[in-house]
PDB file of N, CA and C in Angstrom:
ATOM      1  N   MET A   1      10.816 -14.898  -0.812  1.00  0.00           N
ATOM      2  CA  MET A   1      10.361 -13.574  -0.417  1.00  0.00           C
ATOM      3  C   MET A   1      10.420 -13.467   1.102  1.00  0.00           C
ATOM      4  N   SER A   2      10.975 -12.390   1.600  1.00  0.00           N
ATOM      5  CA  SER A   2      11.081 -12.211   3.043  1.00  0.00           C
ATOM      6  C   SER A   2       9.806 -11.580   3.596  1.00  0.00           C
ATOM      7  N   ALA A   3       9.607 -11.804   4.879  1.00  0.00           N
ATOM      8  CA  ALA A   3       8.428 -11.251   5.540  1.00  0.00           C
ATOM      9  C   ALA A   3       8.570  -9.740   5.663  1.00  0.00           C
ATOM     10  N   ALA A   4       7.464  -9.042   5.550  1.00  0.00           N
ATOM     11  CA  ALA A   4       7.463  -7.591   5.697  1.00  0.00           C
ATOM     12  C   ALA A   4       7.684  -7.227   7.154  1.00  0.00           C
ATOM     13  N   ILE A   5       8.363  -6.124   7.366  1.00  0.00           N
ATOM     14  CA  ILE A   5       8.541  -5.594   8.713  1.00  0.00           C
ATOM     15  C   ILE A   5       7.332  -4.713   8.990  1.00  0.00           C
ATOM     16  N   THR A   6       6.654  -4.977  10.077  1.00  0.00           N
ATOM     17  CA  THR A   6       5.458  -4.237  10.442  1.00  0.00           C
ATOM     18  C   THR A   6       5.741  -3.365  11.653  1.00  0.00           C
ATOM     19  N   THR A   7       5.258  -2.126  11.612  1.00  0.00           N
ATOM     20  CA  THR A   7       5.461  -1.222  12.750  1.00  0.00           C
ATOM     21  C   THR A   7       4.761  -1.778  13.982  1.00  0.00           C
ATOM     22  N   PRO A   8       5.224  -1.386  15.168  1.00  0.00           N
ATOM     23  CA  PRO A   8       4.631  -1.923  16.399  1.00  0.00           C
ATOM     24  C   PRO A   8       3.126  -1.702  16.520  1.00  0.00           C
ATOM     25  N   ASP A   9       2.605  -0.617  15.948  1.00  0.00           N
ATOM     26  CA  ASP A   9       1.172  -0.345  16.024  1.00  0.00           C
ATOM     27  C   ASP A   9       0.377  -1.014  14.897  1.00  0.00           C
ATOM     28  N   GLN A  10       1.058  -1.777  14.041  1.00  0.00           N
ATOM     29  CA  GLN A  10       0.439  -2.541  12.959  1.00  0.00           C
ATOM     30  C   GLN A  10      -0.189  -1.677  11.864  1.00  0.00           C
ATOM     31  N   ARG A  11       0.199  -0.413  11.763  1.00  0.00           N
ATOM     32  CA  ARG A  11      -0.383   0.470  10.754  1.00  0.00           C
ATOM     33  C   ARG A  11       0.367   0.440   9.426  1.00  0.00           C
ATOM     34  N   TYR A  12       1.655   0.159   9.478  1.00  0.00           N
ATOM     35  CA  TYR A  12       2.492   0.242   8.282  1.00  0.00           C
ATOM     36  C   TYR A  12       3.381  -0.979   8.152  1.00  0.00           C
ATOM     37  N   ILE A  13       3.811  -1.222   6.915  1.00  0.00           N
ATOM     38  CA  ILE A  13       4.923  -2.119   6.672  1.00  0.00           C
ATOM     39  C   ILE A  13       6.070  -1.236   6.191  1.00  0.00           C
ATOM     40  N   VAL A  14       7.290  -1.737   6.343  1.00  0.00           N
ATOM     41  CA  VAL A  14       8.464  -0.997   5.904  1.00  0.00           C
ATOM     42  C   VAL A  14       9.059  -1.735   4.712  1.00  0.00           C
ATOM     43  N   VAL A  15       9.169  -1.023   3.599  1.00  0.00           N
ATOM     44  CA  VAL A  15       9.768  -1.568   2.387  1.00  0.00           C
ATOM     45  C   VAL A  15      10.825  -0.581   1.917  1.00  0.00           C
ATOM     46  N   ARG A  16      12.062  -1.071   1.826  1.00  0.00           N
ATOM     47  CA  ARG A  16      13.191  -0.226   1.429  1.00  0.00           C
ATOM     48  C   ARG A  16      13.215   1.092   2.210  1.00  0.00           C
ATOM     49  N   ASP A  17      13.071   0.971   3.522  1.00  0.00           N
ATOM     50  CA  ASP A  17      13.141   2.102   4.459  1.00  0.00           C
ATOM     51  C   ASP A  17      11.994   3.110   4.328  1.00  0.00           C
ATOM     52  N   ARG A  18      10.916   2.702   3.669  1.00  0.00           N
ATOM     53  CA  ARG A  18       9.765   3.583   3.492  1.00  0.00           C
ATOM     54  C   ARG A  18       8.532   2.931   4.114  1.00  0.00           C
ATOM     55  N   LEU A  19       7.678   3.755   4.741  1.00  0.00           N
ATOM     56  CA  LEU A  19       6.436   3.269   5.338  1.00  0.00           C
ATOM     57  C   LEU A  19       5.338   3.159   4.278  1.00  0.00           C
ATOM     58  N   TRP A  20       4.607   2.072   4.313  1.00  0.00           N
ATOM     59  CA  TRP A  20       3.448   1.872   3.439  1.00  0.00           C
ATOM     60  C   TRP A  20       2.281   1.433   4.303  1.00  0.00           C
ATOM     61  N   ARG A  21       1.166   2.112   4.165  1.00  0.00           N
ATOM     62  CA  ARG A  21       0.000   1.819   4.988  1.00  0.00           C
ATOM     63  C   ARG A  21      -0.519   0.408   4.717  1.00  0.00           C
ATOM     64  N   ARG A  22      -0.860  -0.292   5.781  1.00  0.00           N
ATOM     65  CA  ARG A  22      -1.397  -1.646   5.674  1.00  0.00           C
ATOM     66  C   ARG A  22      -2.892  -1.607   5.379  1.00  0.00           C
ATOM     67  N   THR A  23      -3.383  -2.728   4.944  1.00  0.00           N
ATOM     68  CA  THR A  23      -4.814  -2.895   4.708  1.00  0.00           C
ATOM     69  C   THR A  23      -5.569  -2.755   6.024  1.00  0.00           C
ATOM     70  N   ASP A  24      -6.755  -2.202   5.957  1.00  0.00           N
ATOM     71  CA  ASP A  24      -7.611  -2.019   7.133  1.00  0.00           C
ATOM     72  C   ASP A  24      -7.892  -3.381   7.777  1.00  0.00           C
ATOM     73  N   PRO A  25      -7.482  -3.585   9.024  1.00  0.00           N
ATOM     74  CA  PRO A  25      -7.714  -4.872   9.675  1.00  0.00           C
ATOM     75  C   PRO A  25      -9.186  -5.116  10.024  1.00  0.00           C
ATOM     76  N   ASN A  26     -10.020  -4.094   9.906  1.00  0.00           N
ATOM     77  CA  ASN A  26     -11.437  -4.250  10.208  1.00  0.00           C
ATOM     78  C   ASN A  26     -12.233  -4.859   9.053  1.00  0.00           C
ATOM     79  N   LEU A  27     -11.592  -5.026   7.890  1.00  0.00           N
ATOM     80  CA  LEU A  27     -12.277  -5.664   6.767  1.00  0.00           C
ATOM     81  C   LEU A  27     -12.430  -7.154   7.057  1.00  0.00           C
ATOM     82  N   SER A  28     -13.553  -7.701   6.655  1.00  0.00           N
ATOM     83  CA  SER A  28     -13.725  -9.147   6.816  1.00  0.00           C
ATOM     84  C   SER A  28     -12.777  -9.849   5.847  1.00  0.00           C
ATOM     85  N   PRO A  29     -12.403 -11.087   6.142  1.00  0.00           N
ATOM     86  CA  PRO A  29     -11.525 -11.810   5.212  1.00  0.00           C
ATOM     87  C   PRO A  29     -12.112 -11.913   3.803  1.00  0.00           C
ATOM     88  N   GLU A  30     -13.418 -12.081   3.711  1.00  0.00           N
ATOM     89  CA  GLU A  30     -14.065 -12.188   2.398  1.00  0.00           C
ATOM     90  C   GLU A  30     -13.991 -10.862   1.637  1.00  0.00           C
ATOM     91  N   GLU A  31     -14.269  -9.772   2.346  1.00  0.00           N
ATOM     92  CA  GLU A  31     -14.220  -8.451   1.718  1.00  0.00           C
ATOM     93  C   GLU A  31     -12.791  -8.116   1.287  1.00  0.00           C
ATOM     94  N   ARG A  32     -11.837  -8.434   2.152  1.00  0.00           N
ATOM     95  CA  ARG A  32     -10.428  -8.182   1.844  1.00  0.00           C
ATOM     96  C   ARG A  32     -10.023  -8.952   0.586  1.00  0.00           C
ATOM     97  N   GLN A  33     -10.366 -10.239   0.510  1.00  0.00           N
ATOM     98  CA  GLN A  33     -10.009 -11.050  -0.657  1.00  0.00           C
ATOM     99  C   GLN A  33     -10.650 -10.513  -1.929  1.00  0.00           C
ATOM    100  N   ALA A  34     -11.903 -10.098  -1.834  1.00  0.00           N
ATOM    101  CA  ALA A  34     -12.591  -9.552  -3.008  1.00  0.00           C
ATOM    102  C   ALA A  34     -11.902  -8.275  -3.485  1.00  0.00           C
ATOM    103  N   LEU A  35     -11.508  -7.429  -2.554  1.00  0.00           N
ATOM    104  CA  LEU A  35     -10.838  -6.180  -2.924  1.00  0.00           C
ATOM    105  C   LEU A  35      -9.440  -6.432  -3.488  1.00  0.00           C
ATOM    106  N   ILE A  36      -8.744  -7.412  -2.950  1.00  0.00           N
ATOM    107  CA  ILE A  36      -7.435  -7.759  -3.494  1.00  0.00           C
ATOM    108  C   ILE A  36      -7.594  -8.301  -4.914  1.00  0.00           C
ATOM    109  N   GLY A  37      -8.628  -9.090  -5.142  1.00  0.00           N
ATOM    110  CA  GLY A  37      -8.907  -9.576  -6.490  1.00  0.00           C
ATOM    111  C   GLY A  37      -9.178  -8.423  -7.444  1.00  0.00           C
ATOM    112  N   ARG A  38      -9.967  -7.473  -6.986  1.00  0.00           N
ATOM    113  CA  ARG A  38     -10.261  -6.278  -7.792  1.00  0.00           C
ATOM    114  C   ARG A  38      -8.981  -5.505  -8.102  1.00  0.00           C
ATOM    115  N   LEU A  39      -8.100  -5.383  -7.113  1.00  0.00           N
ATOM    116  CA  LEU A  39      -6.833  -4.685  -7.302  1.00  0.00           C
ATOM    117  C   LEU A  39      -5.962  -5.400  -8.331  1.00  0.00           C
ATOM    118  N   MET A  40      -5.899  -6.709  -8.245  1.00  0.00           N
ATOM    119  CA  MET A  40      -5.064  -7.455  -9.187  1.00  0.00           C
ATOM    120  C   MET A  40      -5.585  -7.337 -10.625  1.00  0.00           C
ATOM    121  N   VAL A  41      -6.903  -7.362 -10.777  1.00  0.00           N
ATOM    122  CA  VAL A  41      -7.494  -7.172 -12.112  1.00  0.00           C
ATOM    123  C   VAL A  41      -7.124  -5.791 -12.648  1.00  0.00           C
ATOM    124  N   ALA A  42      -7.210  -4.793 -11.795  1.00  0.00           N
ATOM    125  CA  ALA A  42      -6.882  -3.427 -12.212  1.00  0.00           C
ATOM    126  C   ALA A  42      -5.403  -3.292 -12.563  1.00  0.00           C
ATOM    127  N   ARG A  43      -4.542  -3.941 -11.804  1.00  0.00           N
ATOM    128  CA  ARG A  43      -3.112  -3.871 -12.112  1.00  0.00           C
ATOM    129  C   ARG A  43      -2.802  -4.548 -13.453  1.00  0.00           C
ATOM    130  N   ARG A  44      -3.488  -5.652 -13.726  1.00  0.00           N
ATOM    131  CA  ARG A  44      -3.301  -6.296 -15.034  1.00  0.00           C
ATOM    132  C   ARG A  44      -3.808  -5.403 -16.156  1.00  0.00           C
ATOM    133  N   ALA A  45      -4.869  -4.640 -15.881  1.00  0.00           N
ATOM    134  CA  ALA A  45      -5.386  -3.704 -16.884  1.00  0.00           C
ATOM    135  C   ALA A  45      -4.391  -2.574 -17.143  1.00  0.00           C
ATOM    136  N   VAL A  46      -3.704  -2.122 -16.102  1.00  0.00           N
ATOM    137  CA  VAL A  46      -2.662  -1.105 -16.279  1.00  0.00           C
ATOM    138  C   VAL A  46      -1.564  -1.666 -17.173  1.00  0.00           C
ATOM    139  N   LYS A  47      -1.130  -2.881 -16.893  1.00  0.00           N
ATOM    140  CA  LYS A  47      -0.084  -3.501 -17.702  1.00  0.00           C
ATOM    141  C   LYS A  47      -0.512  -3.615 -19.163  1.00  0.00           C
ATOM    142  N   ALA A  48      -1.742  -4.062 -19.390  1.00  0.00           N
ATOM    143  CA  ALA A  48      -2.243  -4.214 -20.764  1.00  0.00           C
ATOM    144  C   ALA A  48      -2.337  -2.860 -21.466  1.00  0.00           C
ATOM    145  N   ALA A  49      -2.777  -1.845 -20.745  1.00  0.00           N
ATOM    146  CA  ALA A  49      -2.898  -0.511 -21.343  1.00  0.00           C
ATOM    147  C   ALA A  49      -1.530   0.061 -21.687  1.00  0.00           C
ATOM    148  N   LYS A  50      -0.538  -0.199 -20.840  1.00  0.00           N
ATOM    149  CA  LYS A  50       0.815   0.269 -21.155  1.00  0.00           C
ATOM    150  C   LYS A  50       1.347  -0.424 -22.402  1.00  0.00           C
ATOM    151  N   GLN A  51       1.064  -1.716 -22.519  1.00  0.00           N
ATOM    152  CA  GLN A  51       1.496  -2.440 -23.715  1.00  0.00           C
ATOM    153  C   GLN A  51       0.779  -1.890 -24.953  1.00  0.00           C
ATOM    154  N   ALA A  52      -0.499  -1.610 -24.804  1.00  0.00           N
ATOM    155  CA  ALA A  52      -1.262  -1.046 -25.922  1.00  0.00           C
ATOM    156  C   ALA A  52      -0.703   0.315 -26.325  1.00  0.00           C
ATOM    157  N   GLU A  53      -0.280   1.105 -25.335  1.00  0.00           N
ATOM    158  CA  GLU A  53       0.332   2.402 -25.624  1.00  0.00           C
ATOM    159  C   GLU A  53       1.618   2.232 -26.423  1.00  0.00           C
ATOM    160  N   ARG A  54       2.443   1.248 -26.008  1.00  0.00           N
ATOM    161  CA  ARG A  54       3.692   0.986 -26.738  1.00  0.00           C
ATOM    162  C   ARG A  54       3.403   0.537 -28.167  1.00  0.00           C
ATOM    163  N   ASP A  55       2.278  -0.141 -28.350  1.00  0.00           N
ATOM    164  CA  ASP A  55       1.880  -0.614 -29.685  1.00  0.00           C
ATOM    165  C   ASP A  55       1.130   0.456 -30.469  1.00  0.00           C
ATOM    166  N   ASN A  56       1.029   1.659 -29.895  1.00  0.00           N
ATOM    167  CA  ASN A  56       0.331   2.789 -30.533  1.00  0.00           C
ATOM    168  C   ASN A  56      -1.131   2.502 -30.825  1.00  0.00           C
ATOM    169  N   ASP A  57      -1.776   1.748 -29.946  1.00  0.00           N
ATOM    170  CA  ASP A  57      -3.202   1.453 -30.112  1.00  0.00           C
ATOM    171  C   ASP A  57      -4.035   2.684 -29.753  1.00  0.00           C
ATOM    172  N   ALA A  58      -5.059   2.917 -30.548  1.00  0.00           N
ATOM    173  CA  ALA A  58      -5.984   4.022 -30.264  1.00  0.00           C
ATOM    174  C   ALA A  58      -6.728   3.710 -28.970  1.00  0.00           C
ATOM    175  N   GLY A  59      -6.900   4.704 -28.151  1.00  0.00           N
ATOM    176  CA  GLY A  59      -7.651   4.530 -26.908  1.00  0.00           C
ATOM    177  C   GLY A  59      -6.817   4.018 -25.746  1.00  0.00           C
ATOM    178  N   ALA A  60      -5.534   3.769 -25.982  1.00  0.00           N
ATOM    179  CA  ALA A  60      -4.690   3.231 -24.918  1.00  0.00           C
ATOM    180  C   ALA A  60      -4.541   4.214 -23.762  1.00  0.00           C
ATOM    181  N   ALA A  61      -4.420   5.486 -24.068  1.00  0.00           N
ATOM    182  CA  ALA A  61      -4.251   6.487 -23.003  1.00  0.00           C
ATOM    183  C   ALA A  61      -5.477   6.526 -22.094  1.00  0.00           C
ATOM    184  N   GLU A  62      -6.670   6.459 -22.698  1.00  0.00           N
ATOM    185  CA  GLU A  62      -7.899   6.456 -21.902  1.00  0.00           C
ATOM    186  C   GLU A  62      -8.010   5.177 -21.067  1.00  0.00           C
ATOM    187  N   ALA A  63      -7.609   4.056 -21.661  1.00  0.00           N
ATOM    188  CA  ALA A  63      -7.642   2.785 -20.934  1.00  0.00           C
ATOM    189  C   ALA A  63      -6.684   2.813 -19.748  1.00  0.00           C
ATOM    190  N   LEU A  64      -5.509   3.405 -19.947  1.00  0.00           N
ATOM    191  CA  LEU A  64      -4.535   3.505 -18.869  1.00  0.00           C
ATOM    192  C   LEU A  64      -5.056   4.392 -17.745  1.00  0.00           C
ATOM    193  N   THR A  65      -5.672   5.506 -18.097  1.00  0.00           N
ATOM    194  CA  THR A  65      -6.244   6.395 -17.086  1.00  0.00           C
ATOM    195  C   THR A  65      -7.328   5.672 -16.285  1.00  0.00           C
ATOM    196  N   ALA A  66      -8.190   4.956 -16.975  1.00  0.00           N
ATOM    197  CA  ALA A  66      -9.271   4.222 -16.302  1.00  0.00           C
ATOM    198  C   ALA A  66      -8.713   3.113 -15.407  1.00  0.00           C
ATOM    199  N   ALA A  67      -7.711   2.399 -15.895  1.00  0.00           N
ATOM    200  CA  ALA A  67      -7.133   1.311 -15.113  1.00  0.00           C
ATOM    201  C   ALA A  67      -6.441   1.848 -13.861  1.00  0.00           C
ATOM    202  N   ARG A  68      -5.730   2.944 -14.006  1.00  0.00           N
ATOM    203  CA  ARG A  68      -5.070   3.539 -12.837  1.00  0.00           C
ATOM    204  C   ARG A  68      -6.094   4.048 -11.822  1.00  0.00           C
ATOM    205  N   ALA A  69      -7.196   4.578 -12.304  1.00  0.00           N
ATOM    206  CA  ALA A  69      -8.262   5.022 -11.401  1.00  0.00           C
ATOM    207  C   ALA A  69      -8.848   3.829 -10.643  1.00  0.00           C
ATOM    208  N   GLU A  70      -8.960   2.692 -11.308  1.00  0.00           N
ATOM    209  CA  GLU A  70      -9.480   1.492 -10.645  1.00  0.00           C
ATOM    210  C   GLU A  70      -8.497   0.966  -9.605  1.00  0.00           C
ATOM    211  N   VAL A  71      -7.198   1.020  -9.893  1.00  0.00           N
ATOM    212  CA  VAL A  71      -6.194   0.641  -8.903  1.00  0.00           C
ATOM    213  C   VAL A  71      -6.339   1.540  -7.679  1.00  0.00           C
ATOM    214  N   ASP A  72      -6.460   2.840  -7.897  1.00  0.00           N
ATOM    215  CA  ASP A  72      -6.598   3.772  -6.784  1.00  0.00           C
ATOM    216  C   ASP A  72      -7.864   3.489  -5.979  1.00  0.00           C
ATOM    217  N   ALA A  73      -8.962   3.235  -6.659  1.00  0.00           N
ATOM    218  CA  ALA A  73     -10.226   2.955  -5.957  1.00  0.00           C
ATOM    219  C   ALA A  73     -10.107   1.692  -5.099  1.00  0.00           C
ATOM    220  N   ALA A  74      -9.446   0.673  -5.621  1.00  0.00           N
ATOM    221  CA  ALA A  74      -9.268  -0.557  -4.851  1.00  0.00           C
ATOM    222  C   ALA A  74      -8.372  -0.306  -3.637  1.00  0.00           C
ATOM    223  N   LYS A  75      -7.306   0.481  -3.821  1.00  0.00           N
ATOM    224  CA  LYS A  75      -6.413   0.789  -2.708  1.00  0.00           C
ATOM    225  C   LYS A  75      -7.138   1.604  -1.624  1.00  0.00           C
ATOM    226  N   VAL A  76      -7.989   2.532  -2.036  1.00  0.00           N
ATOM    227  CA  VAL A  76      -8.780   3.310  -1.068  1.00  0.00           C
ATOM    228  C   VAL A  76      -9.735   2.382  -0.319  1.00  0.00           C
ATOM    229  N   ALA A  77     -10.397   1.491  -1.043  1.00  0.00           N
ATOM    230  CA  ALA A  77     -11.330   0.552  -0.403  1.00  0.00           C
ATOM    231  C   ALA A  77     -10.613  -0.372   0.576  1.00  0.00           C
ATOM    232  N   LEU A  78      -9.371  -0.727   0.285  1.00  0.00           N
ATOM    233  CA  LEU A  78      -8.581  -1.560   1.188  1.00  0.00           C
ATOM    234  C   LEU A  78      -8.063  -0.781   2.396  1.00  0.00           C
ATOM    235  N   GLY A  79      -8.120   0.548   2.327  1.00  0.00           N
ATOM    236  CA  GLY A  79      -7.620   1.377   3.417  1.00  0.00           C
ATOM    237  C   GLY A  79      -6.162   1.752   3.271  1.00  0.00           C
ATOM    238  N   GLU A  80      -5.547   1.387   2.150  1.00  0.00           N
ATOM    239  CA  GLU A  80      -4.137   1.684   1.937  1.00  0.00           C
ATOM    240  C   GLU A  80      -3.908   3.102   1.437  1.00  0.00           C
ATOM    241  N   ARG A  81      -4.947   3.735   0.964  1.00  0.00           N
ATOM    242  CA  ARG A  81      -4.923   5.141   0.541  1.00  0.00           C
ATOM    243  C   ARG A  81      -6.194   5.795   1.046  1.00  0.00           C
ATOM    244  N   GLY A  82      -6.276   7.098   0.888  1.00  0.00           N
ATOM    245  CA  GLY A  82      -7.486   7.807   1.313  1.00  0.00           C
ATOM    246  C   GLY A  82      -7.493   8.017   2.814  1.00  0.00           C
ATOM    247  N   PRO A  83      -8.679   8.169   3.387  1.00  0.00           N
ATOM    248  CA  PRO A  83      -8.782   8.393   4.832  1.00  0.00           C
ATOM    249  C   PRO A  83      -8.172   7.232   5.621  1.00  0.00           C
ATOM    250  N   VAL A  84      -7.525   7.555   6.719  1.00  0.00           N
ATOM    251  CA  VAL A  84      -6.926   6.508   7.548  1.00  0.00           C
ATOM    252  C   VAL A  84      -8.015   5.666   8.202  1.00  0.00           C
ATOM    253  N   TRP A  85      -7.679   4.424   8.514  1.00  0.00           N
ATOM    254  CA  TRP A  85      -8.653   3.526   9.123  1.00  0.00           C
ATOM    255  C   TRP A  85      -8.585   3.518  10.645  1.00  0.00           C
ATOM    256  N   TRP A  86      -7.555   4.131  11.230  1.00  0.00           N
ATOM    257  CA  TRP A  86      -7.492   4.193  12.684  1.00  0.00           C
ATOM    258  C   TRP A  86      -8.228   5.427  13.174  1.00  0.00           C
ATOM    259  N   GLN A  87      -8.608   5.394  14.448  1.00  0.00           N
ATOM    260  CA  GLN A  87      -9.496   6.417  14.990  1.00  0.00           C
ATOM    261  C   GLN A  87      -8.860   7.310  16.051  1.00  0.00           C
ATOM    262  N   ASP A  88      -7.560   7.178  16.310  1.00  0.00           N
ATOM    263  CA  ASP A  88      -6.962   7.937  17.409  1.00  0.00           C
ATOM    264  C   ASP A  88      -6.399   9.301  17.016  1.00  0.00           C
ATOM    265  N   GLY A  89      -6.602   9.711  15.770  1.00  0.00           N
ATOM    266  CA  GLY A  89      -6.148  11.022  15.327  1.00  0.00           C
ATOM    267  C   GLY A  89      -4.686  11.088  14.928  1.00  0.00           C
ATOM    268  N   ALA A  90      -3.976   9.967  14.964  1.00  0.00           N
ATOM    269  CA  ALA A  90      -2.566   9.963  14.561  1.00  0.00           C
ATOM    270  C   ALA A  90      -2.469  10.303  13.072  1.00  0.00           C
ATOM    271  N   PRO A  91      -1.427  11.051  12.696  1.00  0.00           N
ATOM    272  CA  PRO A  91      -1.294  11.448  11.288  1.00  0.00           C
ATOM    273  C   PRO A  91      -0.961  10.262  10.392  1.00  0.00           C
ATOM    274  N   ASP A  92      -1.225  10.430   9.117  1.00  0.00           N
ATOM    275  CA  ASP A  92      -0.880   9.417   8.126  1.00  0.00           C
ATOM    276  C   ASP A  92       0.551   9.663   7.675  1.00  0.00           C
ATOM    277  N   LEU A  93       1.391   8.660   7.818  1.00  0.00           N
ATOM    278  CA  LEU A  93       2.799   8.768   7.438  1.00  0.00           C
ATOM    279  C   LEU A  93       3.097   7.907   6.213  1.00  0.00           C
ATOM    280  N   ASN A  94       2.069   7.549   5.474  1.00  0.00           N
ATOM    281  CA  ASN A  94       2.217   6.697   4.300  1.00  0.00           C
ATOM    282  C   ASN A  94       3.232   7.281   3.325  1.00  0.00           C
ATOM    283  N   ARG A  95       4.108   6.431   2.831  1.00  0.00           N
ATOM    284  CA  ARG A  95       5.120   6.739   1.821  1.00  0.00           C
ATOM    285  C   ARG A  95       6.280   7.582   2.352  1.00  0.00           C
ATOM    286  N   ARG A  96       6.335   7.820   3.642  1.00  0.00           N
ATOM    287  CA  ARG A  96       7.442   8.603   4.207  1.00  0.00           C
ATOM    288  C   ARG A  96       8.608   7.675   4.540  1.00  0.00           C
ATOM    289  N   MET A  97       9.796   8.239   4.492  1.00  0.00           N
ATOM    290  CA  MET A  97      10.973   7.483   4.912  1.00  0.00           C
ATOM    291  C   MET A  97      10.872   7.293   6.421  1.00  0.00           C
ATOM    292  N   VAL A  98      11.073   6.070   6.875  1.00  0.00           N
ATOM    293  CA  VAL A  98      10.879   5.741   8.276  1.00  0.00           C
ATOM    294  C   VAL A  98      11.796   6.563   9.182  1.00  0.00           C
ATOM    295  N   ARG A  99      12.980   6.931   8.705  1.00  0.00           N
ATOM    296  CA  ARG A  99      13.923   7.688   9.536  1.00  0.00           C
ATOM    297  C   ARG A  99      13.452   9.110   9.844  1.00  0.00           C
ATOM    298  N   THR A 100      12.440   9.588   9.115  1.00  0.00           N
ATOM    299  CA  THR A 100      11.934  10.951   9.344  1.00  0.00           C
ATOM    300  C   THR A 100      10.603  10.952  10.090  1.00  0.00           C
ATOM    301  N   THR A 101      10.262   9.827  10.690  1.00  0.00           N
ATOM    302  CA  THR A 101       8.972   9.688  11.364  1.00  0.00           C
ATOM    303  C   THR A 101       9.167   9.321  12.831  1.00  0.00           C
ATOM    304  N   PRO A 102       8.096   9.294  13.612  1.00  0.00           N
ATOM    305  CA  PRO A 102       8.208   8.850  15.005  1.00  0.00           C
ATOM    306  C   PRO A 102       8.683   7.393  15.150  1.00  0.00           C
ATOM    307  N   TYR A 103       8.706   6.641  14.068  1.00  0.00           N
ATOM    308  CA  TYR A 103       9.176   5.247  14.110  1.00  0.00           C
ATOM    309  C   TYR A 103      10.692   5.150  13.958  1.00  0.00           C
ATOM    310  N   ALA A 104      11.392   6.264  13.822  1.00  0.00           N
ATOM    311  CA  ALA A 104      12.827   6.266  13.537  1.00  0.00           C
ATOM    312  C   ALA A 104      13.635   5.491  14.573  1.00  0.00           C
ATOM    313  N   ALA A 105      13.420   5.755  15.847  1.00  0.00           N
ATOM    314  CA  ALA A 105      14.202   5.078  16.890  1.00  0.00           C
ATOM    315  C   ALA A 105      13.902   3.578  16.894  1.00  0.00           C
ATOM    316  N   TRP A 106      12.656   3.213  16.774  1.00  0.00           N
ATOM    317  CA  TRP A 106      12.275   1.796  16.709  1.00  0.00           C
ATOM    318  C   TRP A 106      12.992   1.113  15.553  1.00  0.00           C
ATOM    319  N   TYR A 107      12.973   1.733  14.376  1.00  0.00           N
ATOM    320  CA  TYR A 107      13.556   1.127  13.191  1.00  0.00           C
ATOM    321  C   TYR A 107      15.077   1.067  13.300  1.00  0.00           C
ATOM    322  N   ALA A 108      15.689   2.097  13.861  1.00  0.00           N
ATOM    323  CA  ALA A 108      17.139   2.091  14.041  1.00  0.00           C
ATOM    324  C   ALA A 108      17.552   0.955  14.973  1.00  0.00           C
ATOM    325  N   ALA A 109      16.797   0.771  16.056  1.00  0.00           N
ATOM    326  CA  ALA A 109      17.090  -0.313  16.986  1.00  0.00           C
ATOM    327  C   ALA A 109      16.897  -1.669  16.310  1.00  0.00           C
ATOM    328  N   LEU A 110      15.850  -1.785  15.515  1.00  0.00           N
ATOM    329  CA  LEU A 110      15.578  -3.025  14.793  1.00  0.00           C
ATOM    330  C   LEU A 110      16.697  -3.307  13.798  1.00  0.00           C
ATOM    331  N   SER A 111      17.124  -2.286  13.092  1.00  0.00           N
ATOM    332  CA  SER A 111      18.195  -2.427  12.103  1.00  0.00           C
ATOM    333  C   SER A 111      19.525  -2.764  12.766  1.00  0.00           C
ATOM    334  N   ALA A 112      19.699  -2.331  14.016  1.00  0.00           N
ATOM    335  CA  ALA A 112      20.927  -2.605  14.748  1.00  0.00           C
ATOM    336  C   ALA A 112      20.923  -4.003  15.361  1.00  0.00           C
ATOM    337  N   GLY A 113      19.813  -4.711  15.186  1.00  0.00           N
ATOM    338  CA  GLY A 113      19.734  -6.075  15.701  1.00  0.00           C
ATOM    339  C   GLY A 113      19.223  -6.190  17.107  1.00  0.00           C
ATOM    340  N   GLU A 114      18.745  -5.099  17.670  1.00  0.00           N
ATOM    341  CA  GLU A 114      18.204  -5.158  19.021  1.00  0.00           C
ATOM    342  C   GLU A 114      16.852  -5.838  18.993  1.00  0.00           C
ATOM    343  N   PRO A 115      16.525  -6.621  20.012  1.00  0.00           N
ATOM    344  CA  PRO A 115      15.218  -7.288  20.025  1.00  0.00           C
ATOM    345  C   PRO A 115      14.083  -6.287  20.207  1.00  0.00           C
ATOM    346  N   GLU A 116      12.953  -6.621  19.621  1.00  0.00           N
ATOM    347  CA  GLU A 116      11.779  -5.761  19.775  1.00  0.00           C
ATOM    348  C   GLU A 116      11.210  -5.928  21.181  1.00  0.00           C
ATOM    349  N   PRO A 117      10.771  -4.824  21.808  1.00  0.00           N
ATOM    350  CA  PRO A 117      10.123  -4.949  23.124  1.00  0.00           C
ATOM    351  C   PRO A 117       8.805  -5.696  22.976  1.00  0.00           C
ATOM    352  N   ARG A 118       8.469  -6.454  23.986  1.00  0.00           N
ATOM    353  CA  ARG A 118       7.229  -7.243  23.944  1.00  0.00           C
ATOM    354  C   ARG A 118       6.112  -6.524  24.614  1.00  0.00           C
TER     355      ARG A 118
END
């Protein structure tokens, strides 16, 4: 697995040319780990609910809705969704293509092999 490309301001990672908001760096390591554990449990619940749906199990749709809500709650608690964790008023560019954002020139230079400014 390759390392994620992180924007210079440390707010986003770039995956397949799209920005994804990073976890709030103000979370303690213990809190972050607990929330990641909660997220992983919720993601496994989504997988199980989808399998139950394919098996035509009663209640699978409700289980899937609940599991997806738990994934969302964990992502909000991590700072990856919901209100932004930075305080300077910069807009949230989560899920946007990097080429359509203020990071476009930085990313183009990075993609062209130019060294990052220090």
